[in-house]
Amino acid sequence: MTRLQGRVAIVTGAAQGLGEAIARRLATEGCKGVAIADINLEKATATAERLTRETGVAMLGIQANVANEADCEAMVQRTAAEFGGLDILIANAGILKAHDITVFPANEWRAVIEVNLVGYFLCAQAAAKVMVPQKRGSIVQINSKSGKKGSFRNSAYAASKFGGIGLTQSIALDLAPHGVRVNAVCPGNLLDGTLWQESLYEQYARTQGITVEEVRRKYESQVPLGRGCTYEDVGNVVVFLASDESSYMTGQAINVTGGQEMR
């Protein structure tokens, strides 16, 4: 499968989990170079080296705090210099902190906005500076079903993702005249993913007053198709949006939720 033959990509938050899975998928779809960007340089480098061995595609580990403008600029410039341009940006880096609104620490609320929304803006801005002169490129934000509907005791994350869809639409309008497309993917609950396994089950059990096992059953029961979202489900849509198959699509926020969200 070579729908992305010869293209260069950056995936943020790619040292593990969904970001790593997306980077691997881009490689199998024909990318000639993929930058593994993450705030943790050691993990980013290790993941890049391992994926290079496993896929045969050149990977570059880069340290980047997406909430830092200089880091975002350096990430893009280094990738373009290493691989000869930039065709795809997958803005995947994100954090989640859940509390009831009455006890949500303001500094934690702001931190979620800084990474998930401001970080997306800074990455897209840096990428656009390379893509506009090329007259081509695809920016894909990993958003969430929480970008379409409010999330219980999860106001910071939902606010950041609602904002991300508005930002996607606005950037899409700015960049359309230059042949650069901007879209978002809104996954459902990645119940077997790294973020859920390492953090969300415990956070949601605490904030909702139920057990970890009850958290999983609750979220599975809300999905018409009866299962959680997988990395492959998300990767399928990411590749479509990054490829020429979606050349007439920009400013869209595509649900991958098993029917849980239909707007």
C-alpha atoms as a PDB file:
ATOM      1  CA  MET A   1       0.000   0.000   0.000  1.00  0.00           C
ATOM      2  CA  THR A   2       1.660   3.236  -1.145  1.00  0.00           C
ATOM      3  CA  ARG A   3      -0.943   5.965  -0.898  1.00  0.00           C
ATOM      4  CA  LEU A   4       1.674   8.241   0.664  1.00  0.00           C
ATOM      5  CA  GLN A   5       4.581   7.268  -1.559  1.00  0.00           C
ATOM      6  CA  GLY A   6       7.643   9.461  -1.115  1.00  0.00           C
ATOM      7  CA  ARG A   7       6.090  11.877   1.367  1.00  0.00           C
ATOM      8  CA  VAL A   8       7.529  13.362   4.535  1.00  0.00           C
ATOM      9  CA  ALA A   9       5.547  13.490   7.767  1.00  0.00           C
ATOM     10  CA  ILE A  10       5.733  14.734  11.330  1.00  0.00           C
ATOM     11  CA  VAL A  11       3.712  13.064  14.078  1.00  0.00           C
ATOM     12  CA  THR A  12       3.652  14.846  17.423  1.00  0.00           C
ATOM     13  CA  GLY A  13       3.260  12.933  20.666  1.00  0.00           C
ATOM     14  CA  ALA A  14       4.592   9.914  18.775  1.00  0.00           C
ATOM     15  CA  ALA A  15       6.932   8.248  21.256  1.00  0.00           C
ATOM     16  CA  GLN A  16       4.178   5.811  22.254  1.00  0.00           C
ATOM     17  CA  GLY A  17       0.507   4.974  21.948  1.00  0.00           C
ATOM     18  CA  LEU A  18      -1.637   6.359  19.144  1.00  0.00           C
ATOM     19  CA  GLY A  19       1.101   8.634  17.838  1.00  0.00           C
ATOM     20  CA  GLU A  20       3.505   5.727  17.482  1.00  0.00           C
ATOM     21  CA  ALA A  21       0.838   3.646  15.750  1.00  0.00           C
ATOM     22  CA  ILE A  22       0.130   6.467  13.293  1.00  0.00           C
ATOM     23  CA  ALA A  23       3.842   6.906  12.538  1.00  0.00           C
ATOM     24  CA  ARG A  24       4.152   3.202  11.816  1.00  0.00           C
ATOM     25  CA  ARG A  25       1.097   3.313   9.559  1.00  0.00           C
ATOM     26  CA  LEU A  26       2.448   6.285   7.592  1.00  0.00           C
ATOM     27  CA  ALA A  27       5.637   4.333   6.994  1.00  0.00           C
ATOM     28  CA  THR A  28       3.753   1.297   5.686  1.00  0.00           C
ATOM     29  CA  GLU A  29       1.780   3.581   3.365  1.00  0.00           C
ATOM     30  CA  GLY A  30       4.935   4.740   1.595  1.00  0.00           C
ATOM     31  CA  CYS A  31       6.311   7.770   3.457  1.00  0.00           C
ATOM     32  CA  LYS A  32      10.039   8.169   2.875  1.00  0.00           C
ATOM     33  CA  GLY A  33      10.656   9.905   6.190  1.00  0.00           C
ATOM     34  CA  VAL A  34       8.746  10.367   9.436  1.00  0.00           C
ATOM     35  CA  ALA A  35       9.692  12.584  12.358  1.00  0.00           C
ATOM     36  CA  ILE A  36       8.797  11.149  15.756  1.00  0.00           C
ATOM     37  CA  ALA A  37       8.273  14.291  17.834  1.00  0.00           C
ATOM     38  CA  ASP A  38       7.696  14.105  21.563  1.00  0.00           C
ATOM     39  CA  ILE A  39       8.462  16.032  24.729  1.00  0.00           C
ATOM     40  CA  ASN A  40      10.463  12.996  25.890  1.00  0.00           C
ATOM     41  CA  LEU A  41      13.557  12.874  23.678  1.00  0.00           C
ATOM     42  CA  GLU A  42      14.805   9.538  25.004  1.00  0.00           C
ATOM     43  CA  LYS A  43      11.532   7.811  24.174  1.00  0.00           C
ATOM     44  CA  ALA A  44      11.218   9.601  20.825  1.00  0.00           C
ATOM     45  CA  THR A  45      14.697   8.519  19.790  1.00  0.00           C
ATOM     46  CA  ALA A  46      14.154   4.924  20.894  1.00  0.00           C
ATOM     47  CA  THR A  47      10.829   4.717  19.066  1.00  0.00           C
ATOM     48  CA  ALA A  48      12.331   6.243  15.914  1.00  0.00           C
ATOM     49  CA  GLU A  49      15.205   3.762  15.935  1.00  0.00           C
ATOM     50  CA  ARG A  50      12.903   0.804  16.509  1.00  0.00           C
ATOM     51  CA  LEU A  51      10.428   1.823  13.799  1.00  0.00           C
ATOM     52  CA  THR A  52      13.281   2.403  11.359  1.00  0.00           C
ATOM     53  CA  ARG A  53      14.460  -1.154  11.934  1.00  0.00           C
ATOM     54  CA  GLU A  54      10.966  -2.609  11.709  1.00  0.00           C
ATOM     55  CA  THR A  55       9.672  -0.675   8.682  1.00  0.00           C
ATOM     56  CA  GLY A  56      12.811   0.184   6.733  1.00  0.00           C
ATOM     57  CA  VAL A  57      11.672   3.812   6.588  1.00  0.00           C
ATOM     58  CA  ALA A  58      13.884   6.615   7.884  1.00  0.00           C
ATOM     59  CA  MET A  59      12.603   7.938  11.220  1.00  0.00           C
ATOM     60  CA  LEU A  60      13.883  10.945  13.113  1.00  0.00           C
ATOM     61  CA  GLY A  61      13.438  11.373  16.863  1.00  0.00           C
ATOM     62  CA  ILE A  62      12.905  15.020  17.841  1.00  0.00           C
ATOM     63  CA  GLN A  63      12.288  16.612  21.219  1.00  0.00           C
ATOM     64  CA  ALA A  64       9.409  19.076  21.031  1.00  0.00           C
ATOM     65  CA  ASN A  65       7.144  20.660  23.591  1.00  0.00           C
ATOM     66  CA  VAL A  66       4.262  21.622  21.320  1.00  0.00           C
ATOM     67  CA  ALA A  67       3.296  24.474  23.644  1.00  0.00           C
ATOM     68  CA  ASN A  68       6.673  26.095  22.958  1.00  0.00           C
ATOM     69  CA  GLU A  69       6.856  28.142  19.753  1.00  0.00           C
ATOM     70  CA  ALA A  70      10.601  27.753  19.293  1.00  0.00           C
ATOM     71  CA  ASP A  71      10.355  23.965  19.670  1.00  0.00           C
ATOM     72  CA  CYS A  72       7.650  23.780  17.009  1.00  0.00           C
ATOM     73  CA  GLU A  73       9.639  25.888  14.562  1.00  0.00           C
ATOM     74  CA  ALA A  74      12.779  23.832  15.158  1.00  0.00           C
ATOM     75  CA  MET A  75      10.850  20.568  14.763  1.00  0.00           C
ATOM     76  CA  VAL A  76       9.527  21.564  11.368  1.00  0.00           C
ATOM     77  CA  GLN A  77      12.769  23.081  10.112  1.00  0.00           C
ATOM     78  CA  ARG A  78      14.851  20.071  11.154  1.00  0.00           C
ATOM     79  CA  THR A  79      12.411  17.648   9.519  1.00  0.00           C
ATOM     80  CA  ALA A  80      12.323  19.626   6.272  1.00  0.00           C
ATOM     81  CA  ALA A  81      16.116  19.866   6.205  1.00  0.00           C
ATOM     82  CA  GLU A  82      16.575  16.157   6.935  1.00  0.00           C
ATOM     83  CA  PHE A  83      14.032  14.831   4.444  1.00  0.00           C
ATOM     84  CA  GLY A  84      13.744  17.603   1.848  1.00  0.00           C
ATOM     85  CA  GLY A  85      10.384  19.155   2.717  1.00  0.00           C
ATOM     86  CA  LEU A  86       7.223  18.466   4.657  1.00  0.00           C
ATOM     87  CA  ASP A  87       4.006  17.010   3.252  1.00  0.00           C
ATOM     88  CA  ILE A  88       2.067  15.836   6.300  1.00  0.00           C
ATOM     89  CA  LEU A  89       1.650  17.061   9.858  1.00  0.00           C
ATOM     90  CA  ILE A  90      -0.268  14.882  12.304  1.00  0.00           C
ATOM     91  CA  ALA A  91      -0.986  17.030  15.377  1.00  0.00           C
ATOM     92  CA  ASN A  92      -1.480  14.245  17.891  1.00  0.00           C
ATOM     93  CA  ALA A  93       0.193  15.494  21.082  1.00  0.00           C
ATOM     94  CA  GLY A  94      -2.274  16.085  23.878  1.00  0.00           C
ATOM     95  CA  ILE A  95      -2.962  15.756  27.582  1.00  0.00           C
ATOM     96  CA  LEU A  96      -6.064  15.179  29.664  1.00  0.00           C
ATOM     97  CA  LYS A  97      -6.794  16.230  33.238  1.00  0.00           C
ATOM     98  CA  ALA A  98     -10.265  15.534  34.632  1.00  0.00           C
ATOM     99  CA  HIS A  99     -11.945  17.211  37.607  1.00  0.00           C
ATOM    100  CA  ASP A 100     -15.372  18.503  38.539  1.00  0.00           C
ATOM    101  CA  ILE A 101     -15.656  22.182  37.634  1.00  0.00           C
ATOM    102  CA  THR A 102     -15.970  23.209  41.294  1.00  0.00           C
ATOM    103  CA  VAL A 103     -12.555  21.805  42.171  1.00  0.00           C
ATOM    104  CA  PHE A 104     -10.676  22.028  38.852  1.00  0.00           C
ATOM    105  CA  PRO A 105      -7.296  23.681  39.559  1.00  0.00           C
ATOM    106  CA  ALA A 106      -6.966  26.638  37.206  1.00  0.00           C
ATOM    107  CA  ASN A 107      -3.319  25.857  36.458  1.00  0.00           C
ATOM    108  CA  GLU A 108      -4.245  22.342  35.298  1.00  0.00           C
ATOM    109  CA  TRP A 109      -7.123  23.695  33.196  1.00  0.00           C
ATOM    110  CA  ARG A 110      -4.772  26.130  31.485  1.00  0.00           C
ATOM    111  CA  ALA A 111      -2.169  23.402  30.924  1.00  0.00           C
ATOM    112  CA  VAL A 112      -4.663  21.331  28.919  1.00  0.00           C
ATOM    113  CA  ILE A 113      -5.537  24.333  26.754  1.00  0.00           C
ATOM    114  CA  GLU A 114      -1.867  25.175  26.240  1.00  0.00           C
ATOM    115  CA  VAL A 115      -0.943  21.717  24.978  1.00  0.00           C
ATOM    116  CA  ASN A 116      -4.099  20.672  23.139  1.00  0.00           C
ATOM    117  CA  LEU A 117      -5.144  23.960  21.544  1.00  0.00           C
ATOM    118  CA  VAL A 118      -2.238  26.397  21.588  1.00  0.00           C
ATOM    119  CA  GLY A 119       0.120  23.519  20.790  1.00  0.00           C
ATOM    120  CA  TYR A 120      -1.955  22.552  17.753  1.00  0.00           C
ATOM    121  CA  PHE A 121      -1.919  26.170  16.566  1.00  0.00           C
ATOM    122  CA  LEU A 122       1.858  26.475  16.942  1.00  0.00           C
ATOM    123  CA  CYS A 123       2.546  23.203  15.115  1.00  0.00           C
ATOM    124  CA  ALA A 124       0.170  24.074  12.285  1.00  0.00           C
ATOM    125  CA  GLN A 125       1.638  27.561  11.983  1.00  0.00           C
ATOM    126  CA  ALA A 126       5.185  26.215  11.731  1.00  0.00           C
ATOM    127  CA  ALA A 127       4.169  23.553   9.204  1.00  0.00           C
ATOM    128  CA  ALA A 128       2.253  26.054   7.091  1.00  0.00           C
ATOM    129  CA  LYS A 129       5.379  28.156   6.649  1.00  0.00           C
ATOM    130  CA  VAL A 130       6.942  25.221   4.792  1.00  0.00           C
ATOM    131  CA  MET A 131       3.819  23.922   3.054  1.00  0.00           C
ATOM    132  CA  VAL A 132       2.591  27.239   1.605  1.00  0.00           C
ATOM    133  CA  PRO A 133       5.664  27.830  -0.589  1.00  0.00           C
ATOM    134  CA  GLN A 134       5.433  24.194  -1.745  1.00  0.00           C
ATOM    135  CA  LYS A 135       1.756  24.711  -2.677  1.00  0.00           C
ATOM    136  CA  ARG A 136       0.881  21.373  -1.105  1.00  0.00           C
ATOM    137  CA  GLY A 137       0.431  19.689   2.236  1.00  0.00           C
ATOM    138  CA  SER A 138      -2.014  18.054   4.609  1.00  0.00           C
ATOM    139  CA  ILE A 139      -2.448  18.925   8.283  1.00  0.00           C
ATOM    140  CA  VAL A 140      -4.480  16.484  10.359  1.00  0.00           C
ATOM    141  CA  GLN A 141      -5.392  17.153  13.972  1.00  0.00           C
ATOM    142  CA  ILE A 142      -6.208  14.240  16.245  1.00  0.00           C
ATOM    143  CA  ASN A 143      -9.254  15.679  17.945  1.00  0.00           C
ATOM    144  CA  SER A 144     -11.901  13.682  19.892  1.00  0.00           C
ATOM    145  CA  LYS A 145     -15.583  12.962  20.186  1.00  0.00           C
ATOM    146  CA  SER A 146     -15.254  15.428  23.080  1.00  0.00           C
ATOM    147  CA  GLY A 147     -14.754  18.083  20.417  1.00  0.00           C
ATOM    148  CA  LYS A 148     -18.350  17.527  19.335  1.00  0.00           C
ATOM    149  CA  LYS A 149     -20.143  17.061  22.657  1.00  0.00           C
ATOM    150  CA  GLY A 150     -19.384  18.160  26.225  1.00  0.00           C
ATOM    151  CA  SER A 151     -17.610  15.684  28.487  1.00  0.00           C
ATOM    152  CA  PHE A 152     -18.640  14.972  32.091  1.00  0.00           C
ATOM    153  CA  ARG A 153     -16.165  16.418  34.627  1.00  0.00           C
ATOM    154  CA  ASN A 154     -13.770  16.922  31.749  1.00  0.00           C
ATOM    155  CA  SER A 155     -14.267  20.579  30.852  1.00  0.00           C
ATOM    156  CA  ALA A 156     -10.695  21.498  29.967  1.00  0.00           C
ATOM    157  CA  TYR A 157     -10.285  18.669  27.494  1.00  0.00           C
ATOM    158  CA  ALA A 158     -13.646  19.297  25.838  1.00  0.00           C
ATOM    159  CA  ALA A 159     -12.958  23.026  25.614  1.00  0.00           C
ATOM    160  CA  SER A 160      -9.573  22.380  24.007  1.00  0.00           C
ATOM    161  CA  LYS A 161     -11.080  19.982  21.471  1.00  0.00           C
ATOM    162  CA  PHE A 162     -14.088  22.176  20.617  1.00  0.00           C
ATOM    163  CA  GLY A 163     -11.566  24.948  20.039  1.00  0.00           C
ATOM    164  CA  GLY A 164      -9.494  22.607  17.900  1.00  0.00           C
ATOM    165  CA  ILE A 165     -12.355  22.075  15.467  1.00  0.00           C
ATOM    166  CA  GLY A 166     -12.867  25.819  15.122  1.00  0.00           C
ATOM    167  CA  LEU A 167      -9.135  26.224  14.612  1.00  0.00           C
ATOM    168  CA  THR A 168      -9.132  23.459  11.987  1.00  0.00           C
ATOM    169  CA  GLN A 169     -11.893  25.176  10.027  1.00  0.00           C
ATOM    170  CA  SER A 170     -10.224  28.583  10.275  1.00  0.00           C
ATOM    171  CA  ILE A 171      -6.758  27.380   9.259  1.00  0.00           C
ATOM    172  CA  ALA A 172      -8.347  25.449   6.403  1.00  0.00           C
ATOM    173  CA  LEU A 173      -9.772  28.702   5.047  1.00  0.00           C
ATOM    174  CA  ASP A 174      -6.406  30.455   5.392  1.00  0.00           C
ATOM    175  CA  LEU A 175      -4.496  27.706   3.607  1.00  0.00           C
ATOM    176  CA  ALA A 176      -6.964  26.601   0.917  1.00  0.00           C
ATOM    177  CA  PRO A 177      -5.671  29.139  -1.640  1.00  0.00           C
ATOM    178  CA  HIS A 178      -2.219  27.595  -1.249  1.00  0.00           C
ATOM    179  CA  GLY A 179      -3.232  23.979  -1.834  1.00  0.00           C
ATOM    180  CA  VAL A 180      -2.797  22.988   1.805  1.00  0.00           C
ATOM    181  CA  ARG A 181      -5.659  21.057   3.402  1.00  0.00           C
ATOM    182  CA  VAL A 182      -6.501  20.939   7.115  1.00  0.00           C
ATOM    183  CA  ASN A 183      -8.809  18.357   8.687  1.00  0.00           C
ATOM    184  CA  ALA A 184      -9.434  16.702  12.038  1.00  0.00           C
ATOM    185  CA  VAL A 185     -10.141  13.155  13.163  1.00  0.00           C
ATOM    186  CA  CYS A 186     -12.449  12.689  16.160  1.00  0.00           C
ATOM    187  CA  PRO A 187     -11.838   9.231  17.659  1.00  0.00           C
ATOM    188  CA  GLY A 188     -14.060   7.526  20.152  1.00  0.00           C
ATOM    189  CA  ASN A 189     -12.685   5.946  23.301  1.00  0.00           C
ATOM    190  CA  LEU A 190      -9.417   4.107  22.675  1.00  0.00           C
ATOM    191  CA  LEU A 191     -10.129   1.728  25.548  1.00  0.00           C
ATOM    192  CA  ASP A 192      -7.079  -0.464  24.938  1.00  0.00           C
ATOM    193  CA  GLY A 193      -4.771   2.445  24.177  1.00  0.00           C
ATOM    194  CA  THR A 194      -1.842   3.718  26.232  1.00  0.00           C
ATOM    195  CA  LEU A 195      -3.598   6.828  27.541  1.00  0.00           C
ATOM    196  CA  TRP A 196      -6.560   4.853  28.853  1.00  0.00           C
ATOM    197  CA  GLN A 197      -4.426   2.079  30.311  1.00  0.00           C
ATOM    198  CA  GLU A 198      -1.950   4.408  32.036  1.00  0.00           C
ATOM    199  CA  SER A 199      -4.233   7.229  33.104  1.00  0.00           C
ATOM    200  CA  LEU A 200      -7.856   7.554  32.085  1.00  0.00           C
ATOM    201  CA  TYR A 201      -9.333   4.468  33.723  1.00  0.00           C
ATOM    202  CA  GLU A 202      -8.062   5.624  37.096  1.00  0.00           C
ATOM    203  CA  GLN A 203      -8.945   9.284  36.499  1.00  0.00           C
ATOM    204  CA  TYR A 204     -12.502   8.483  35.419  1.00  0.00           C
ATOM    205  CA  ALA A 205     -12.992   5.977  38.236  1.00  0.00           C
ATOM    206  CA  ARG A 206     -11.975   8.700  40.679  1.00  0.00           C
ATOM    207  CA  THR A 207     -14.004  11.540  39.174  1.00  0.00           C
ATOM    208  CA  GLN A 208     -17.119   9.418  38.557  1.00  0.00           C
ATOM    209  CA  GLY A 209     -17.063   7.383  41.765  1.00  0.00           C
ATOM    210  CA  ILE A 210     -17.030   3.958  40.078  1.00  0.00           C
ATOM    211  CA  THR A 211     -14.524   1.112  39.674  1.00  0.00           C
ATOM    212  CA  VAL A 212     -12.086   0.767  36.802  1.00  0.00           C
ATOM    213  CA  GLU A 213     -14.034  -2.249  35.529  1.00  0.00           C
ATOM    214  CA  GLU A 214     -17.255  -0.229  35.625  1.00  0.00           C
ATOM    215  CA  VAL A 215     -15.566   2.554  33.663  1.00  0.00           C
ATOM    216  CA  ARG A 216     -14.829   0.194  30.766  1.00  0.00           C
ATOM    217  CA  ARG A 217     -18.316  -1.315  30.773  1.00  0.00           C
ATOM    218  CA  LYS A 218     -19.851   2.149  30.890  1.00  0.00           C
ATOM    219  CA  TYR A 219     -17.956   3.444  27.886  1.00  0.00           C
ATOM    220  CA  GLU A 220     -18.433   0.284  25.815  1.00  0.00           C
ATOM    221  CA  SER A 221     -22.169   0.372  26.474  1.00  0.00           C
ATOM    222  CA  GLN A 222     -22.412   3.849  24.961  1.00  0.00           C
ATOM    223  CA  VAL A 223     -21.169   2.727  21.526  1.00  0.00           C
ATOM    224  CA  PRO A 224     -23.784   1.505  19.010  1.00  0.00           C
ATOM    225  CA  LEU A 225     -21.217  -0.780  17.368  1.00  0.00           C
ATOM    226  CA  GLY A 226     -20.410  -2.233  20.784  1.00  0.00           C
ATOM    227  CA  ARG A 227     -16.646  -1.795  21.085  1.00  0.00           C
ATOM    228  CA  GLY A 228     -13.972   0.763  21.722  1.00  0.00           C
ATOM    229  CA  CYS A 229     -12.061   2.580  19.020  1.00  0.00           C
ATOM    230  CA  THR A 230      -8.718   1.095  17.928  1.00  0.00           C
ATOM    231  CA  TYR A 231      -5.495   2.585  16.627  1.00  0.00           C
ATOM    232  CA  GLU A 232      -6.219   0.954  13.265  1.00  0.00           C
ATOM    233  CA  ASP A 233      -9.626   2.638  13.088  1.00  0.00           C
ATOM    234  CA  VAL A 234      -7.983   6.028  13.553  1.00  0.00           C
ATOM    235  CA  GLY A 235      -5.083   5.234  11.227  1.00  0.00           C
ATOM    236  CA  ASN A 236      -7.440   4.353   8.391  1.00  0.00           C
ATOM    237  CA  VAL A 237      -8.958   7.832   8.443  1.00  0.00           C
ATOM    238  CA  VAL A 238      -5.658   9.616   9.035  1.00  0.00           C
ATOM    239  CA  VAL A 239      -4.139   8.021   5.939  1.00  0.00           C
ATOM    240  CA  PHE A 240      -7.208   8.912   3.877  1.00  0.00           C
ATOM    241  CA  LEU A 241      -7.022  12.565   4.967  1.00  0.00           C
ATOM    242  CA  ALA A 242      -3.273  12.723   4.399  1.00  0.00           C
ATOM    243  CA  SER A 243      -3.539  11.221   0.915  1.00  0.00           C
ATOM    244  CA  ASP A 244      -4.754  12.538  -2.424  1.00  0.00           C
ATOM    245  CA  GLU A 245      -7.918  10.453  -1.993  1.00  0.00           C
ATOM    246  CA  SER A 246      -9.289  13.302   0.110  1.00  0.00           C
ATOM    247  CA  SER A 247      -8.081  16.087  -2.182  1.00  0.00           C
ATOM    248  CA  TYR A 248     -11.531  17.752  -2.169  1.00  0.00           C
ATOM    249  CA  MET A 249     -11.840  17.770   1.621  1.00  0.00           C
ATOM    250  CA  THR A 250     -10.709  20.510   3.951  1.00  0.00           C
ATOM    251  CA  GLY A 251     -12.024  21.950   7.211  1.00  0.00           C
ATOM    252  CA  GLN A 252     -13.690  18.675   8.167  1.00  0.00           C
ATOM    253  CA  ALA A 253     -13.865  16.919  11.546  1.00  0.00           C
ATOM    254  CA  ILE A 254     -14.457  13.219  10.857  1.00  0.00           C
ATOM    255  CA  ASN A 255     -16.003  11.050  13.572  1.00  0.00           C
ATOM    256  CA  VAL A 256     -14.475   7.618  14.232  1.00  0.00           C
ATOM    257  CA  THR A 257     -16.753   6.688  17.112  1.00  0.00           C
ATOM    258  CA  GLY A 258     -18.671   3.525  16.219  1.00  0.00           C
ATOM    259  CA  GLY A 259     -21.834   5.613  15.920  1.00  0.00           C
ATOM    260  CA  GLN A 260     -21.501   7.210  19.343  1.00  0.00           C
ATOM    261  CA  GLU A 261     -21.261  10.653  17.783  1.00  0.00           C
ATOM    262  CA  MET A 262     -23.026  11.408  14.494  1.00  0.00           C
ATOM    263  CA  ARG A 263     -22.760  15.186  14.165  1.00  0.00           C
END
